[in-house]
Protein backbone atom coordinates (compact mmCIF):
# COMPACT_ATOMS: atom_id res chain seq x y z
CA MET A 1 -33.95 1.04 46.35
CA LEU A 2 -30.87 2.95 45.17
CA ILE A 3 -28.05 3.76 47.59
CA ILE A 4 -25.22 6.09 46.55
CA ALA A 5 -22.18 5.87 48.84
CA ASP A 6 -19.24 8.26 48.38
CA GLU A 7 -16.20 6.79 50.18
CA PRO A 8 -18.39 4.97 52.74
CA THR A 9 -15.36 3.73 54.68
CA GLY A 10 -13.08 6.73 54.12
CA ASN A 11 -12.69 7.97 57.70
CA LEU A 12 -13.26 4.71 59.53
CA ASP A 13 -10.96 2.21 61.17
CA SER A 14 -10.70 -1.11 59.33
CA ARG A 15 -13.13 -2.97 61.63
CA SER A 16 -15.84 -0.33 61.27
CA GLY A 17 -15.24 -0.14 57.53
CA GLU A 18 -15.72 -3.89 57.21
CA GLU A 19 -19.00 -3.65 59.15
CA ILE A 20 -20.28 -0.92 56.82
CA MET A 21 -19.38 -3.00 53.77
CA LYS A 22 -21.17 -6.03 55.24
CA ILE A 23 -24.28 -3.90 55.75
CA LEU A 24 -24.13 -2.61 52.16
CA LEU A 25 -23.52 -6.11 50.81
CA ASN A 26 -26.51 -7.53 52.69
CA LEU A 27 -28.71 -4.67 51.41
CA HIS A 28 -27.58 -5.51 47.88
CA LEU A 29 -28.37 -9.19 48.38
CA GLN A 30 -31.88 -8.10 49.43
CA GLY A 31 -32.31 -6.27 46.11
CA ALA A 32 -30.86 -2.79 46.59
CA THR A 33 -28.76 -1.23 43.86
CA ILE A 34 -25.66 0.33 45.38
CA VAL A 35 -23.25 2.72 43.68
CA ILE A 36 -20.00 3.15 45.60
CA VAL A 37 -17.34 5.72 44.82
CA THR A 38 -14.00 4.71 46.32
CA HIS A 39 -10.24 4.74 45.91
CA ASP A 40 -9.90 1.71 48.19
CA PRO A 41 -9.27 -1.61 46.38
CA VAL A 42 -10.49 -3.54 49.46
CA VAL A 43 -13.90 -1.84 49.18
CA ALA A 44 -13.97 -2.64 45.45
CA GLN A 45 -13.63 -6.36 46.26
CA TYR A 46 -17.14 -6.29 47.75
CA THR A 47 -18.69 -5.38 44.40
CA GLU A 48 -20.01 -7.24 41.37
CA ARG A 49 -18.47 -4.76 38.97
CA VAL A 50 -15.74 -2.13 39.12
CA ILE A 51 -15.85 0.75 36.64
CA ARG A 52 -12.60 2.74 36.60
CA LEU A 53 -12.61 6.30 35.33
CA LYS A 54 -9.70 8.25 33.92
CA ASP A 55 -9.96 11.86 32.83
CA GLY A 56 -13.75 11.68 33.09
CA GLN A 57 -14.02 8.68 30.76
CA ILE A 58 -14.53 4.97 31.44
CA ASP A 59 -11.06 3.42 31.42
CA SER A 60 -11.99 -0.19 32.28
CA VAL A 61 -14.79 -2.40 33.52
CA VAL A 62 -14.04 -5.48 35.63
CA HIS A 63 -16.81 -7.95 36.41
CA ASN A 64 -16.17 -9.58 39.78
CA GLY A 65 -19.32 -11.66 39.42
CA ILE A 66 -22.11 -12.32 41.87
CA TYR A 67 -20.70 -15.77 42.59
CA LYS A 68 -18.04 -14.13 44.80
CA LEU A 69 -20.68 -12.40 46.89
CA LYS A 70 -22.16 -14.20 49.86
CA LYS A 71 -24.32 -13.15 52.75
CA VAL A 72 -22.16 -12.12 55.67
């Protein structure tokens, strides 16, 4: 399964945004591949890897590592 989420928490209050991220995280832990587009560094903390773009090119790649992820 592939899920593409463009600013999934963009118009939500912080509590609802956290719930959405927990749902996406649990789907990932069940095997789903999830691509999230966001400007929110809090959302990025839920991911295994952050790919930053600048001027349409990859600027940096940060591996957060699966060890930080846990079922919530």
